[in-house]
mmCIF file of all heavy atoms, coordinates in Angstrom:
data_MODEL
# 
_entry.id   MODEL 
# 
loop_
_atom_site.group_PDB 
_atom_site.id 
_atom_site.type_symbol 
_atom_site.label_atom_id 
_atom_site.label_alt_id 
_atom_site.label_comp_id 
_atom_site.label_asym_id 
_atom_site.label_entity_id 
_atom_site.label_seq_id 
_atom_site.pdbx_PDB_ins_code 
_atom_site.Cartn_x 
_atom_site.Cartn_y 
_atom_site.Cartn_z 
_atom_site.occupancy 
_atom_site.B_iso_or_equiv 
_atom_site.pdbx_formal_charge 
_atom_site.auth_seq_id 
_atom_site.auth_comp_id 
_atom_site.auth_asym_id 
_atom_site.auth_atom_id 
_atom_site.pdbx_PDB_model_num 
ATOM 1   N N   . ASN A 1 1  ? 2.411   -5.794  9.023   1.00 0.00 ? 1  ASN A N   1 
ATOM 2   C CA  . ASN A 1 1  ? 1.234   -5.202  9.616   1.00 0.00 ? 1  ASN A CA  1 
ATOM 3   C C   . ASN A 1 1  ? 0.011   -5.396  8.737   1.00 0.00 ? 1  ASN A C   1 
ATOM 4   O O   . ASN A 1 1  ? -1.088  -5.752  9.172   1.00 0.00 ? 1  ASN A O   1 
ATOM 5   C CB  . ASN A 1 1  ? 1.429   -3.785  9.973   1.00 0.00 ? 1  ASN A CB  1 
ATOM 6   C CG  . ASN A 1 1  ? 2.405   -3.586  11.117  1.00 0.00 ? 1  ASN A CG  1 
ATOM 7   O OD1 . ASN A 1 1  ? 2.527   -4.387  11.977  1.00 0.00 ? 1  ASN A OD1 1 
ATOM 8   N ND2 . ASN A 1 1  ? 3.128   -2.390  11.080  1.00 0.00 ? 1  ASN A ND2 1 
ATOM 9   N N   . LEU A 1 2  ? 0.237   -5.140  7.470   1.00 0.00 ? 2  LEU A N   1 
ATOM 10  C CA  . LEU A 1 2  ? -0.906  -5.320  6.518   1.00 0.00 ? 2  LEU A CA  1 
ATOM 11  C C   . LEU A 1 2  ? -1.356  -6.756  6.407   1.00 0.00 ? 2  LEU A C   1 
ATOM 12  O O   . LEU A 1 2  ? -2.559  -7.101  6.346   1.00 0.00 ? 2  LEU A O   1 
ATOM 13  C CB  . LEU A 1 2  ? -0.518  -4.831  5.143   1.00 0.00 ? 2  LEU A CB  1 
ATOM 14  C CG  . LEU A 1 2  ? -0.388  -3.310  5.015   1.00 0.00 ? 2  LEU A CG  1 
ATOM 15  C CD1 . LEU A 1 2  ? 0.264   -2.998  3.637   1.00 0.00 ? 2  LEU A CD1 1 
ATOM 16  C CD2 . LEU A 1 2  ? -1.853  -2.726  5.081   1.00 0.00 ? 2  LEU A CD2 1 
ATOM 17  N N   . GLN A 1 3  ? -0.376  -7.727  6.405   1.00 0.00 ? 3  GLN A N   1 
ATOM 18  C CA  . GLN A 1 3  ? -0.735  -9.149  6.379   1.00 0.00 ? 3  GLN A CA  1 
ATOM 19  C C   . GLN A 1 3  ? -1.565  -9.516  7.610   1.00 0.00 ? 3  GLN A C   1 
ATOM 20  O O   . GLN A 1 3  ? -2.551  -10.276 7.497   1.00 0.00 ? 3  GLN A O   1 
ATOM 21  C CB  . GLN A 1 3  ? 0.560   -9.992  6.344   1.00 0.00 ? 3  GLN A CB  1 
ATOM 22  C CG  . GLN A 1 3  ? 0.235   -11.433 6.203   1.00 0.00 ? 3  GLN A CG  1 
ATOM 23  C CD  . GLN A 1 3  ? 1.495   -12.314 6.066   1.00 0.00 ? 3  GLN A CD  1 
ATOM 24  O OE1 . GLN A 1 3  ? 2.616   -11.771 5.903   1.00 0.00 ? 3  GLN A OE1 1 
ATOM 25  N NE2 . GLN A 1 3  ? 1.367   -13.635 6.150   1.00 0.00 ? 3  GLN A NE2 1 
ATOM 26  N N   . THR A 1 4  ? -1.175  -9.040  8.763   1.00 0.00 ? 4  THR A N   1 
ATOM 27  C CA  . THR A 1 4  ? -1.912  -9.282  9.991   1.00 0.00 ? 4  THR A CA  1 
ATOM 28  C C   . THR A 1 4  ? -3.400  -8.798  9.819   1.00 0.00 ? 4  THR A C   1 
ATOM 29  O O   . THR A 1 4  ? -4.328  -9.500  10.195  1.00 0.00 ? 4  THR A O   1 
ATOM 30  C CB  . THR A 1 4  ? -1.297  -8.569  11.226  1.00 0.00 ? 4  THR A CB  1 
ATOM 31  O OG1 . THR A 1 4  ? -0.019  -9.148  11.389  1.00 0.00 ? 4  THR A OG1 1 
ATOM 32  C CG2 . THR A 1 4  ? -2.115  -8.750  12.437  1.00 0.00 ? 4  THR A CG2 1 
ATOM 33  N N   . LEU A 1 5  ? -3.593  -7.625  9.298   1.00 0.00 ? 5  LEU A N   1 
ATOM 34  C CA  . LEU A 1 5  ? -4.862  -7.058  9.192   1.00 0.00 ? 5  LEU A CA  1 
ATOM 35  C C   . LEU A 1 5  ? -5.752  -7.761  8.138   1.00 0.00 ? 5  LEU A C   1 
ATOM 36  O O   . LEU A 1 5  ? -6.916  -8.042  8.351   1.00 0.00 ? 5  LEU A O   1 
ATOM 37  C CB  . LEU A 1 5  ? -4.778  -5.576  8.800   1.00 0.00 ? 5  LEU A CB  1 
ATOM 38  C CG  . LEU A 1 5  ? -4.279  -4.667  9.909   1.00 0.00 ? 5  LEU A CG  1 
ATOM 39  C CD1 . LEU A 1 5  ? -3.888  -3.322  9.376   1.00 0.00 ? 5  LEU A CD1 1 
ATOM 40  C CD2 . LEU A 1 5  ? -5.311  -4.564  11.049  1.00 0.00 ? 5  LEU A CD2 1 
ATOM 41  N N   . VAL A 1 6  ? -5.081  -8.184  7.033   1.00 0.00 ? 6  VAL A N   1 
ATOM 42  C CA  . VAL A 1 6  ? -5.837  -9.002  6.000   1.00 0.00 ? 6  VAL A CA  1 
ATOM 43  C C   . VAL A 1 6  ? -6.280  -10.342 6.580   1.00 0.00 ? 6  VAL A C   1 
ATOM 44  O O   . VAL A 1 6  ? -7.345  -10.853 6.296   1.00 0.00 ? 6  VAL A O   1 
ATOM 45  C CB  . VAL A 1 6  ? -4.926  -9.116  4.739   1.00 0.00 ? 6  VAL A CB  1 
ATOM 46  C CG1 . VAL A 1 6  ? -5.521  -10.133 3.772   1.00 0.00 ? 6  VAL A CG1 1 
ATOM 47  C CG2 . VAL A 1 6  ? -4.751  -7.802  4.053   1.00 0.00 ? 6  VAL A CG2 1 
ATOM 48  N N   . GLU A 1 7  ? -5.386  -10.965 7.344   1.00 0.00 ? 7  GLU A N   1 
ATOM 49  C CA  . GLU A 1 7  ? -5.714  -12.236 7.959   1.00 0.00 ? 7  GLU A CA  1 
ATOM 50  C C   . GLU A 1 7  ? -6.880  -12.087 8.909   1.00 0.00 ? 7  GLU A C   1 
ATOM 51  O O   . GLU A 1 7  ? -7.613  -13.087 9.128   1.00 0.00 ? 7  GLU A O   1 
ATOM 52  C CB  . GLU A 1 7  ? -4.482  -12.793 8.683   1.00 0.00 ? 7  GLU A CB  1 
ATOM 53  C CG  . GLU A 1 7  ? -3.422  -13.275 7.708   1.00 0.00 ? 7  GLU A CG  1 
ATOM 54  C CD  . GLU A 1 7  ? -2.126  -13.714 8.504   1.00 0.00 ? 7  GLU A CD  1 
ATOM 55  O OE1 . GLU A 1 7  ? -2.044  -13.396 9.696   1.00 0.00 ? 7  GLU A OE1 1 
ATOM 56  O OE2 . GLU A 1 7  ? -1.194  -14.251 7.812   1.00 0.00 ? 7  GLU A OE2 1 
ATOM 57  N N   . ARG A 1 8  ? -7.092  -10.938 9.487   1.00 0.00 ? 8  ARG A N   1 
ATOM 58  C CA  . ARG A 1 8  ? -8.231  -10.675 10.364  1.00 0.00 ? 8  ARG A CA  1 
ATOM 59  C C   . ARG A 1 8  ? -9.508  -10.278 9.598   1.00 0.00 ? 8  ARG A C   1 
ATOM 60  O O   . ARG A 1 8  ? -10.547 -10.088 10.204  1.00 0.00 ? 8  ARG A O   1 
ATOM 61  C CB  . ARG A 1 8  ? -7.903  -9.554  11.375  1.00 0.00 ? 8  ARG A CB  1 
ATOM 62  C CG  . ARG A 1 8  ? -6.820  -9.919  12.392  1.00 0.00 ? 8  ARG A CG  1 
ATOM 63  C CD  . ARG A 1 8  ? -6.568  -8.707  13.265  1.00 0.00 ? 8  ARG A CD  1 
ATOM 64  N NE  . ARG A 1 8  ? -5.388  -8.941  14.097  1.00 0.00 ? 8  ARG A NE  1 
ATOM 65  C CZ  . ARG A 1 8  ? -4.702  -7.924  14.665  1.00 0.00 ? 8  ARG A CZ  1 
ATOM 66  N NH1 . ARG A 1 8  ? -5.048  -6.661  14.444  1.00 0.00 ? 8  ARG A NH1 1 
ATOM 67  N NH2 . ARG A 1 8  ? -3.643  -8.195  15.441  1.00 0.00 ? 8  ARG A NH2 1 
ATOM 68  N N   . GLY A 1 9  ? -9.374  -10.190 8.293   1.00 0.00 ? 9  GLY A N   1 
ATOM 69  C CA  . GLY A 1 9  ? -10.578 -9.926  7.472   1.00 0.00 ? 9  GLY A CA  1 
ATOM 70  C C   . GLY A 1 9  ? -10.633 -8.558  6.788   1.00 0.00 ? 9  GLY A C   1 
ATOM 71  O O   . GLY A 1 9  ? -11.582 -8.271  6.060   1.00 0.00 ? 9  GLY A O   1 
ATOM 72  N N   . ALA A 1 10 ? -9.580  -7.717  6.972   1.00 0.00 ? 10 ALA A N   1 
ATOM 73  C CA  . ALA A 1 10 ? -9.569  -6.427  6.362   1.00 0.00 ? 10 ALA A CA  1 
ATOM 74  C C   . ALA A 1 10 ? -9.336  -6.607  4.856   1.00 0.00 ? 10 ALA A C   1 
ATOM 75  O O   . ALA A 1 10 ? -8.709  -7.554  4.437   1.00 0.00 ? 10 ALA A O   1 
ATOM 76  C CB  . ALA A 1 10 ? -8.513  -5.525  6.960   1.00 0.00 ? 10 ALA A CB  1 
ATOM 77  N N   . THR A 1 11 ? -9.843  -5.659  4.063   1.00 0.00 ? 11 THR A N   1 
ATOM 78  C CA  . THR A 1 11 ? -9.650  -5.641  2.634   1.00 0.00 ? 11 THR A CA  1 
ATOM 79  C C   . THR A 1 11 ? -8.544  -4.599  2.338   1.00 0.00 ? 11 THR A C   1 
ATOM 80  O O   . THR A 1 11 ? -8.634  -3.437  2.714   1.00 0.00 ? 11 THR A O   1 
ATOM 81  C CB  . THR A 1 11 ? -10.901 -5.278  1.849   1.00 0.00 ? 11 THR A CB  1 
ATOM 82  O OG1 . THR A 1 11 ? -11.891 -6.242  2.050   1.00 0.00 ? 11 THR A OG1 1 
ATOM 83  C CG2 . THR A 1 11 ? -10.633 -5.120  0.365   1.00 0.00 ? 11 THR A CG2 1 
ATOM 84  N N   . LEU A 1 12 ? -7.469  -5.054  1.672   1.00 0.00 ? 12 LEU A N   1 
ATOM 85  C CA  . LEU A 1 12 ? -6.344  -4.186  1.290   1.00 0.00 ? 12 LEU A CA  1 
ATOM 86  C C   . LEU A 1 12 ? -6.623  -3.699  -0.127  1.00 0.00 ? 12 LEU A C   1 
ATOM 87  O O   . LEU A 1 12 ? -6.742  -4.509  -1.087  1.00 0.00 ? 12 LEU A O   1 
ATOM 88  C CB  . LEU A 1 12 ? -5.049  -4.965  1.372   1.00 0.00 ? 12 LEU A CB  1 
ATOM 89  C CG  . LEU A 1 12 ? -3.862  -4.241  0.797   1.00 0.00 ? 12 LEU A CG  1 
ATOM 90  C CD1 . LEU A 1 12 ? -3.572  -2.934  1.566   1.00 0.00 ? 12 LEU A CD1 1 
ATOM 91  C CD2 . LEU A 1 12 ? -2.607  -5.128  0.811   1.00 0.00 ? 12 LEU A CD2 1 
ATOM 92  N N   . ILE A 1 13 ? -6.620  -2.372  -0.270  1.00 0.00 ? 13 ILE A N   1 
ATOM 93  C CA  . ILE A 1 13 ? -6.654  -1.754  -1.626  1.00 0.00 ? 13 ILE A CA  1 
ATOM 94  C C   . ILE A 1 13 ? -5.256  -1.386  -1.987  1.00 0.00 ? 13 ILE A C   1 
ATOM 95  O O   . ILE A 1 13 ? -4.665  -0.446  -1.420  1.00 0.00 ? 13 ILE A O   1 
ATOM 96  C CB  . ILE A 1 13 ? -7.582  -0.475  -1.599  1.00 0.00 ? 13 ILE A CB  1 
ATOM 97  C CG1 . ILE A 1 13 ? -8.982  -0.869  -1.102  1.00 0.00 ? 13 ILE A CG1 1 
ATOM 98  C CG2 . ILE A 1 13 ? -7.599  0.123   -2.978  1.00 0.00 ? 13 ILE A CG2 1 
ATOM 99  C CD1 . ILE A 1 13 ? -9.855  0.309   -0.874  1.00 0.00 ? 13 ILE A CD1 1 
ATOM 100 N N   . GLU A 1 14 ? -4.654  -2.150  -2.917  1.00 0.00 ? 14 GLU A N   1 
ATOM 101 C CA  . GLU A 1 14 ? -3.249  -1.995  -3.244  1.00 0.00 ? 14 GLU A CA  1 
ATOM 102 C C   . GLU A 1 14 ? -3.018  -0.578  -3.804  1.00 0.00 ? 14 GLU A C   1 
ATOM 103 O O   . GLU A 1 14 ? -3.815  -0.070  -4.642  1.00 0.00 ? 14 GLU A O   1 
ATOM 104 C CB  . GLU A 1 14 ? -2.816  -3.045  -4.253  1.00 0.00 ? 14 GLU A CB  1 
ATOM 105 C CG  . GLU A 1 14 ? -2.752  -4.402  -3.715  1.00 0.00 ? 14 GLU A CG  1 
ATOM 106 C CD  . GLU A 1 14 ? -1.513  -4.697  -2.934  1.00 0.00 ? 14 GLU A CD  1 
ATOM 107 O OE1 . GLU A 1 14 ? -0.682  -3.805  -2.823  1.00 0.00 ? 14 GLU A OE1 1 
ATOM 108 O OE2 . GLU A 1 14 ? -1.344  -5.822  -2.413  1.00 0.00 ? 14 GLU A OE2 1 
ATOM 109 N N   . PRO A 1 15 ? -1.928  0.096   -3.395  1.00 0.00 ? 15 PRO A N   1 
ATOM 110 C CA  . PRO A 1 15 ? -1.648  1.427   -3.868  1.00 0.00 ? 15 PRO A CA  1 
ATOM 111 C C   . PRO A 1 15 ? -1.120  1.352   -5.330  1.00 0.00 ? 15 PRO A C   1 
ATOM 112 O O   . PRO A 1 15 ? -0.637  0.312   -5.828  1.00 0.00 ? 15 PRO A O   1 
ATOM 113 C CB  . PRO A 1 15 ? -0.518  1.905   -2.893  1.00 0.00 ? 15 PRO A CB  1 
ATOM 114 C CG  . PRO A 1 15 ? 0.127   0.702   -2.425  1.00 0.00 ? 15 PRO A CG  1 
ATOM 115 C CD  . PRO A 1 15 ? -1.003  -0.355  -2.363  1.00 0.00 ? 15 PRO A CD  1 
ATOM 116 N N   . ASP A 1 16 ? -1.228  2.494   -5.994  1.00 0.00 ? 16 ASP A N   1 
ATOM 117 C CA  . ASP A 1 16 ? -0.666  2.584   -7.320  1.00 0.00 ? 16 ASP A CA  1 
ATOM 118 C C   . ASP A 1 16 ? 0.852   2.915   -7.294  1.00 0.00 ? 16 ASP A C   1 
ATOM 119 O O   . ASP A 1 16 ? 1.354   3.297   -6.280  1.00 0.00 ? 16 ASP A O   1 
ATOM 120 C CB  . ASP A 1 16 ? -1.366  3.712   -8.089  1.00 0.00 ? 16 ASP A CB  1 
ATOM 121 C CG  . ASP A 1 16 ? -2.798  3.369   -8.380  1.00 0.00 ? 16 ASP A CG  1 
ATOM 122 O OD1 . ASP A 1 16 ? -3.184  2.173   -8.346  1.00 0.00 ? 16 ASP A OD1 1 
ATOM 123 O OD2 . ASP A 1 16 ? -3.627  4.315   -8.629  1.00 0.00 ? 16 ASP A OD2 1 
ATOM 124 N N   . GLU A 1 17 ? 1.484   2.717   -8.448  1.00 0.00 ? 17 GLU A N   1 
ATOM 125 C CA  . GLU A 1 17 ? 2.853   3.149   -8.604  1.00 0.00 ? 17 GLU A CA  1 
ATOM 126 C C   . GLU A 1 17 ? 2.879   4.537   -9.256  1.00 0.00 ? 17 GLU A C   1 
ATOM 127 O O   . GLU A 1 17 ? 2.012   4.878   -10.015 1.00 0.00 ? 17 GLU A O   1 
ATOM 128 C CB  . GLU A 1 17 ? 3.635   2.146   -9.464  1.00 0.00 ? 17 GLU A CB  1 
ATOM 129 C CG  . GLU A 1 17 ? 3.800   0.766   -8.758  1.00 0.00 ? 17 GLU A CG  1 
ATOM 130 C CD  . GLU A 1 17 ? 4.870   -0.032  -9.479  1.00 0.00 ? 17 GLU A CD  1 
ATOM 131 O OE1 . GLU A 1 17 ? 5.639   0.480   -10.240 1.00 0.00 ? 17 GLU A OE1 1 
ATOM 132 O OE2 . GLU A 1 17 ? 4.885   -1.323  -9.244  1.00 0.00 ? 17 GLU A OE2 1 
ATOM 133 N N   . GLY A 1 18 ? 3.952   5.270   -8.892  1.00 0.00 ? 18 GLY A N   1 
ATOM 134 C CA  . GLY A 1 18 ? 4.069   6.577   -9.530  1.00 0.00 ? 18 GLY A CA  1 
ATOM 135 C C   . GLY A 1 18 ? 5.012   7.462   -8.796  1.00 0.00 ? 18 GLY A C   1 
ATOM 136 O O   . GLY A 1 18 ? 5.812   7.013   -7.951  1.00 0.00 ? 18 GLY A O   1 
ATOM 137 N N   . ARG A 1 19 ? 4.927   8.751   -9.071  1.00 0.00 ? 19 ARG A N   1 
ATOM 138 C CA  . ARG A 1 19 ? 5.849   9.744   -8.421  1.00 0.00 ? 19 ARG A CA  1 
ATOM 139 C C   . ARG A 1 19 ? 5.231   10.219  -7.154  1.00 0.00 ? 19 ARG A C   1 
ATOM 140 O O   . ARG A 1 19 ? 3.990   10.432  -7.021  1.00 0.00 ? 19 ARG A O   1 
ATOM 141 C CB  . ARG A 1 19 ? 6.060   10.887  -9.363  1.00 0.00 ? 19 ARG A CB  1 
ATOM 142 C CG  . ARG A 1 19 ? 7.026   11.958  -8.805  1.00 0.00 ? 19 ARG A CG  1 
ATOM 143 C CD  . ARG A 1 19 ? 7.122   13.134  -9.777  1.00 0.00 ? 19 ARG A CD  1 
ATOM 144 N NE  . ARG A 1 19 ? 8.058   14.186  -9.322  1.00 0.00 ? 19 ARG A NE  1 
ATOM 145 C CZ  . ARG A 1 19 ? 7.705   15.087  -8.472  1.00 0.00 ? 19 ARG A CZ  1 
ATOM 146 N NH1 . ARG A 1 19 ? 6.423   15.122  -7.987  1.00 0.00 ? 19 ARG A NH1 1 
ATOM 147 N NH2 . ARG A 1 19 ? 8.572   16.052  -8.044  1.00 0.00 ? 19 ARG A NH2 1 
ATOM 148 N N   . PHE A 1 20 ? 6.091   10.317  -6.110  1.00 0.00 ? 20 PHE A N   1 
ATOM 149 C CA  . PHE A 1 20 ? 5.639   10.843  -4.793  1.00 0.00 ? 20 PHE A CA  1 
ATOM 150 C C   . PHE A 1 20 ? 5.908   12.347  -4.672  1.00 0.00 ? 20 PHE A C   1 
ATOM 151 O O   . PHE A 1 20 ? 6.657   12.935  -5.485  1.00 0.00 ? 20 PHE A O   1 
ATOM 152 C CB  . PHE A 1 20 ? 6.363   10.122  -3.625  1.00 0.00 ? 20 PHE A CB  1 
ATOM 153 C CG  . PHE A 1 20 ? 6.133   8.610   -3.696  1.00 0.00 ? 20 PHE A CG  1 
ATOM 154 C CD1 . PHE A 1 20 ? 7.201   7.750   -3.697  1.00 0.00 ? 20 PHE A CD1 1 
ATOM 155 C CD2 . PHE A 1 20 ? 4.890   8.054   -3.749  1.00 0.00 ? 20 PHE A CD2 1 
ATOM 156 C CE1 . PHE A 1 20 ? 6.999   6.360   -3.688  1.00 0.00 ? 20 PHE A CE1 1 
ATOM 157 C CE2 . PHE A 1 20 ? 4.698   6.702   -3.748  1.00 0.00 ? 20 PHE A CE2 1 
ATOM 158 C CZ  . PHE A 1 20 ? 5.747   5.809   -3.761  1.00 0.00 ? 20 PHE A CZ  1 
ATOM 159 N N   . ALA A 1 21 ? 5.378   12.889  -3.652  1.00 0.00 ? 21 ALA A N   1 
ATOM 160 C CA  . ALA A 1 21 ? 5.608   14.290  -3.384  1.00 0.00 ? 21 ALA A CA  1 
ATOM 161 C C   . ALA A 1 21 ? 7.084   14.643  -3.134  1.00 0.00 ? 21 ALA A C   1 
ATOM 162 O O   . ALA A 1 21 ? 7.596   15.747  -3.429  1.00 0.00 ? 21 ALA A O   1 
ATOM 163 C CB  . ALA A 1 21 ? 4.821   14.790  -2.162  1.00 0.00 ? 21 ALA A CB  1 
ATOM 164 N N   . SER A 1 22 ? 7.844   13.618  -2.631  1.00 0.00 ? 22 SER A N   1 
ATOM 165 C CA  . SER A 1 22 ? 9.249   13.851  -2.441  1.00 0.00 ? 22 SER A CA  1 
ATOM 166 C C   . SER A 1 22 ? 10.130  13.870  -3.695  1.00 0.00 ? 22 SER A C   1 
ATOM 167 O O   . SER A 1 22 ? 11.270  14.234  -3.665  1.00 0.00 ? 22 SER A O   1 
ATOM 168 C CB  . SER A 1 22 ? 9.815   12.676  -1.556  1.00 0.00 ? 22 SER A CB  1 
ATOM 169 O OG  . SER A 1 22 ? 9.660   11.452  -2.297  1.00 0.00 ? 22 SER A OG  1 
ATOM 170 N N   . GLY A 1 23 ? 9.435   13.477  -4.780  1.00 0.00 ? 23 GLY A N   1 
ATOM 171 C CA  . GLY A 1 23 ? 10.204  13.332  -6.032  1.00 0.00 ? 23 GLY A CA  1 
ATOM 172 C C   . GLY A 1 23 ? 10.642  11.904  -6.341  1.00 0.00 ? 23 GLY A C   1 
ATOM 173 O O   . GLY A 1 23 ? 11.036  11.599  -7.471  1.00 0.00 ? 23 GLY A O   1 
ATOM 174 N N   . LEU A 1 24 ? 10.576  11.021  -5.327  1.00 0.00 ? 24 LEU A N   1 
ATOM 175 C CA  . LEU A 1 24 ? 10.883  9.633   -5.545  1.00 0.00 ? 24 LEU A CA  1 
ATOM 176 C C   . LEU A 1 24 ? 9.708   8.964   -6.312  1.00 0.00 ? 24 LEU A C   1 
ATOM 177 O O   . LEU A 1 24 ? 8.641   9.512   -6.437  1.00 0.00 ? 24 LEU A O   1 
ATOM 178 C CB  . LEU A 1 24 ? 11.085  8.967   -4.180  1.00 0.00 ? 24 LEU A CB  1 
ATOM 179 C CG  . LEU A 1 24 ? 12.238  9.509   -3.386  1.00 0.00 ? 24 LEU A CG  1 
ATOM 180 C CD1 . LEU A 1 24 ? 12.285  8.775   -1.963  1.00 0.00 ? 24 LEU A CD1 1 
ATOM 181 C CD2 . LEU A 1 24 ? 13.617  9.243   -4.060  1.00 0.00 ? 24 LEU A CD2 1 
ATOM 182 N N   . GLY A 1 25 ? 9.950   7.740   -6.731  1.00 0.00 ? 25 GLY A N   1 
ATOM 183 C CA  . GLY A 1 25 ? 8.928   6.993   -7.462  1.00 0.00 ? 25 GLY A CA  1 
ATOM 184 C C   . GLY A 1 25 ? 8.850   5.605   -6.815  1.00 0.00 ? 25 GLY A C   1 
ATOM 185 O O   . GLY A 1 25 ? 9.776   5.154   -6.162  1.00 0.00 ? 25 GLY A O   1 
ATOM 186 N N   . GLY A 1 26 ? 7.682   4.943   -6.997  1.00 0.00 ? 26 GLY A N   1 
ATOM 187 C CA  . GLY A 1 26 ? 7.525   3.584   -6.497  1.00 0.00 ? 26 GLY A CA  1 
ATOM 188 C C   . GLY A 1 26 ? 6.081   3.290   -6.201  1.00 0.00 ? 26 GLY A C   1 
ATOM 189 O O   . GLY A 1 26 ? 5.143   3.981   -6.704  1.00 0.00 ? 26 GLY A O   1 
ATOM 190 N N   . ARG A 1 27 ? 5.864   2.306   -5.324  1.00 0.00 ? 27 ARG A N   1 
ATOM 191 C CA  . ARG A 1 27 ? 4.515   1.846   -5.011  1.00 0.00 ? 27 ARG A CA  1 
ATOM 192 C C   . ARG A 1 27 ? 4.086   2.559   -3.699  1.00 0.00 ? 27 ARG A C   1 
ATOM 193 O O   . ARG A 1 27 ? 4.797   2.459   -2.722  1.00 0.00 ? 27 ARG A O   1 
ATOM 194 C CB  . ARG A 1 27 ? 4.481   0.332   -4.840  1.00 0.00 ? 27 ARG A CB  1 
ATOM 195 C CG  . ARG A 1 27 ? 3.102   -0.277  -4.902  1.00 0.00 ? 27 ARG A CG  1 
ATOM 196 C CD  . ARG A 1 27 ? 3.165   -1.708  -5.143  1.00 0.00 ? 27 ARG A CD  1 
ATOM 197 N NE  . ARG A 1 27 ? 4.073   -2.440  -4.257  1.00 0.00 ? 27 ARG A NE  1 
ATOM 198 C CZ  . ARG A 1 27 ? 3.797   -3.656  -3.706  1.00 0.00 ? 27 ARG A CZ  1 
ATOM 199 N NH1 . ARG A 1 27 ? 2.638   -4.208  -3.944  1.00 0.00 ? 27 ARG A NH1 1 
ATOM 200 N NH2 . ARG A 1 27 ? 4.669   -4.225  -2.958  1.00 0.00 ? 27 ARG A NH2 1 
# 
């Protein structure tokens, strides 16, 4: 979905990595 939007001209601001509210970690 993000690739589709970028191909249409949207700018993607990449998320940071870290700890989530669930306690999991990742991007």
